[in-house]
């Protein structure tokens, strides 16, 4: 059961001596023993007669116990020794190398980028056909002279059939 459900049920039921709402508001003080004696007696009497408030009080008590257990941390016995060792070591030569070590990943990354670019140019040279200047000039002349195939309107007007 959730605490809000228990609280809602508790507000519906009312006792003659003490209302459930007042009991709920004072439960933390009751559990910790911080209330004056007359209020402790009234809450005890209310809890004996109201099952919903009794369930809510046990839920609240278990929750507070968990919180209290979590607060108590066991200190690390070697913490002081480690701090003392760090303070005595001071600045080590490794700290002077630290700025240089930060440059290593950037240098490796740059190397791989440049290697990839050079590899791309190398592959392009291997794959692309080698064309001499004579072949290039001949191809350009062929395009200029034989552009009828590229312009279908002129081909239509002149009566030639396009060959593809």
Protein backbone atom coordinates (compact mmCIF):
# COMPACT_ATOMS: atom_id res chain seq x y z
CA UNK A 1 0.00 0.00 0.00
CA UNK A 2 1.24 3.46 -0.76
CA UNK A 3 1.53 6.20 1.82
CA UNK A 4 -0.87 8.49 -0.06
CA UNK A 5 -3.53 5.75 -0.10
CA UNK A 6 -3.10 5.15 3.62
CA UNK A 7 -3.26 8.86 4.33
CA UNK A 8 -6.44 9.23 2.26
CA UNK A 9 -8.16 6.34 4.03
CA UNK A 10 -6.98 7.69 7.35
CA UNK A 11 -8.59 11.10 6.73
CA UNK A 12 -11.99 9.49 6.11
CA UNK A 13 -12.07 7.72 9.48
CA UNK A 14 -12.31 10.09 12.43
CA UNK A 15 -11.76 9.23 16.09
CA UNK A 16 -13.48 11.10 18.99
CA UNK A 17 -10.25 12.07 20.80
CA UNK A 18 -8.00 12.88 17.86
CA UNK A 19 -8.54 13.28 14.17
CA UNK A 20 -6.46 11.19 11.82
CA UNK A 21 -5.04 14.28 10.13
CA UNK A 22 -3.61 15.59 13.39
CA UNK A 23 -2.21 12.12 14.11
CA UNK A 24 -0.52 11.99 10.72
CA UNK A 25 0.99 15.44 11.17
CA UNK A 26 2.60 14.37 14.47
CA UNK A 27 3.72 10.85 13.48
CA UNK A 28 7.36 11.75 12.72
CA UNK A 29 7.72 13.39 16.14
CA UNK A 30 6.00 10.37 17.71
CA UNK A 31 8.33 7.88 16.00
CA UNK A 32 11.42 9.88 17.00
CA UNK A 33 10.11 10.41 20.54
CA UNK A 34 10.23 14.20 20.28
CA UNK A 35 6.66 14.99 21.37
CA UNK A 36 5.52 16.00 24.86
CA UNK A 37 4.03 13.20 26.98
CA UNK A 38 0.34 14.23 26.65
CA UNK A 39 0.54 14.17 22.83
CA UNK A 40 2.41 10.83 22.87
CA UNK A 41 -0.43 9.31 24.93
CA UNK A 42 -3.10 10.69 22.58
CA UNK A 43 -1.32 9.37 19.48
CA UNK A 44 -0.77 5.96 21.12
CA UNK A 45 -4.47 5.75 21.93
CA UNK A 46 -5.40 6.82 18.40
CA UNK A 47 -3.07 4.22 16.84
CA UNK A 48 -4.60 1.43 18.92
CA UNK A 49 -8.06 2.34 17.64
CA UNK A 50 -7.27 3.27 14.01
CA UNK A 51 -5.83 0.54 11.81
CA UNK A 52 -5.18 2.87 8.85
CA UNK A 53 -3.10 5.24 10.99
CA UNK A 54 -1.26 2.27 12.51
CA UNK A 55 -0.38 0.99 9.00
CA UNK A 56 0.70 4.47 7.94
CA UNK A 57 2.85 4.79 11.09
CA UNK A 58 4.59 1.47 10.41
CA UNK A 59 5.19 2.45 6.77
CA UNK A 60 6.59 5.81 7.87
CA UNK A 61 8.75 4.17 10.53
CA UNK A 62 10.26 1.71 8.05
CA UNK A 63 10.91 4.56 5.60
CA UNK A 64 12.67 6.62 8.26
CA UNK A 65 14.76 3.57 9.26
CA UNK A 66 15.91 3.13 5.66
CA UNK A 67 16.83 6.80 5.44
CA UNK A 68 18.76 6.60 8.71
CA UNK A 69 20.62 3.49 7.56
CA UNK A 70 21.61 5.20 4.30
CA UNK A 71 22.96 8.23 6.18
CA UNK A 72 25.49 6.15 8.07
CA UNK A 73 28.34 5.62 5.64
CA UNK A 74 31.41 3.67 6.56
CA UNK A 75 34.48 5.82 5.91
CA UNK A 76 37.28 4.44 3.75
CA UNK A 77 40.15 3.55 6.12
CA UNK A 78 42.82 4.31 3.49
CA UNK A 79 41.47 7.71 2.40
CA UNK A 80 43.85 9.70 4.61
CA UNK A 81 46.82 7.61 3.43
CA UNK A 82 45.98 8.19 -0.23
CA UNK A 83 45.55 11.93 0.25
CA UNK A 84 48.83 12.11 2.14
CA UNK A 85 50.61 10.21 -0.65
CA UNK A 86 49.23 12.55 -3.30
CA UNK A 87 50.32 15.61 -1.33
CA UNK A 88 53.82 14.23 -0.76
CA UNK A 89 54.27 13.28 -4.41
CA UNK A 90 53.66 16.86 -5.55
CA UNK A 91 54.26 17.60 -9.24
CA UNK A 92 55.58 14.53 -10.99
CA UNK A 93 57.32 14.42 -14.40
CA UNK A 94 54.22 12.72 -15.80
CA UNK A 95 52.29 15.94 -15.27
CA UNK A 96 54.76 17.82 -17.46
CA UNK A 97 54.11 15.34 -20.27
CA UNK A 98 50.35 15.71 -20.00
CA UNK A 99 49.98 18.58 -22.53
CA UNK A 100 52.00 16.57 -25.07
CA UNK A 101 49.89 13.47 -24.46
CA UNK A 102 46.74 15.42 -25.27
CA UNK A 103 48.10 16.12 -28.77
CA UNK A 104 48.55 12.44 -29.65
CA UNK A 105 44.89 11.71 -30.54
CA UNK A 106 44.73 14.84 -32.72
CA UNK A 107 47.96 13.88 -34.51
CA UNK A 108 46.74 10.32 -35.13
CA UNK A 109 43.41 11.61 -36.44
CA UNK A 110 45.18 14.07 -38.77
CA UNK A 111 47.46 11.31 -40.05
CA UNK A 112 44.51 9.07 -40.92
CA UNK A 113 42.67 11.90 -42.70
CA UNK A 114 45.73 12.71 -44.82
CA UNK A 115 46.33 9.02 -45.53
CA UNK A 116 42.70 8.69 -46.68
CA UNK A 117 43.01 11.67 -49.01
CA UNK A 118 46.27 10.39 -50.49
CA UNK A 119 44.75 6.93 -50.88
CA UNK A 120 41.75 8.42 -52.69
CA UNK A 121 44.00 10.21 -55.18
CA UNK A 122 46.01 7.02 -55.67
CA UNK A 123 42.89 4.96 -56.36
CA UNK A 124 41.62 7.60 -58.74
CA UNK A 125 44.83 7.41 -60.72
CA UNK A 126 44.59 3.61 -60.93
CA UNK A 127 40.95 3.49 -61.96
CA UNK A 128 40.74 6.43 -64.37
CA UNK A 129 41.82 5.68 -67.94
CA UNK A 130 44.97 7.44 -69.05
CA UNK A 131 44.21 9.86 -71.87
CA UNK A 132 46.94 11.43 -73.94
CA UNK A 133 46.75 14.99 -75.23
CA UNK A 134 46.22 13.69 -78.76
CA UNK A 135 43.21 11.60 -77.66
CA UNK A 136 41.82 14.51 -75.71
CA UNK A 137 42.08 16.86 -78.71
CA UNK A 138 40.44 14.27 -80.96
CA UNK A 139 37.57 13.82 -78.47
CA UNK A 140 37.00 17.57 -78.30
CA UNK A 141 36.92 17.86 -82.11
CA UNK A 142 34.52 14.94 -82.36
CA UNK A 143 32.18 16.62 -79.90
CA UNK A 144 32.29 19.92 -81.81
CA UNK A 145 31.81 18.33 -85.23
CA UNK A 146 29.33 15.61 -84.28
CA UNK A 147 26.97 17.54 -82.05
CA UNK A 148 23.99 16.71 -84.25
CA UNK A 149 23.32 13.65 -82.12
CA UNK A 150 23.22 15.85 -79.06
CA UNK A 151 20.67 18.29 -80.51
CA UNK A 152 17.54 16.38 -81.55
CA UNK A 153 15.74 19.50 -82.88
CA UNK A 154 18.34 20.08 -85.59
CA UNK A 155 18.30 16.39 -86.39
CA UNK A 156 14.55 16.54 -86.87
CA UNK A 157 14.70 19.64 -89.10
CA UNK A 158 17.48 18.26 -91.28
CA UNK A 159 15.72 14.94 -91.65
CA UNK A 160 18.40 12.76 -90.08
CA UNK A 161 17.48 9.87 -87.92
CA UNK A 162 19.13 9.80 -84.54
CA UNK A 163 21.33 6.81 -83.98
CA UNK A 164 21.76 5.77 -80.41
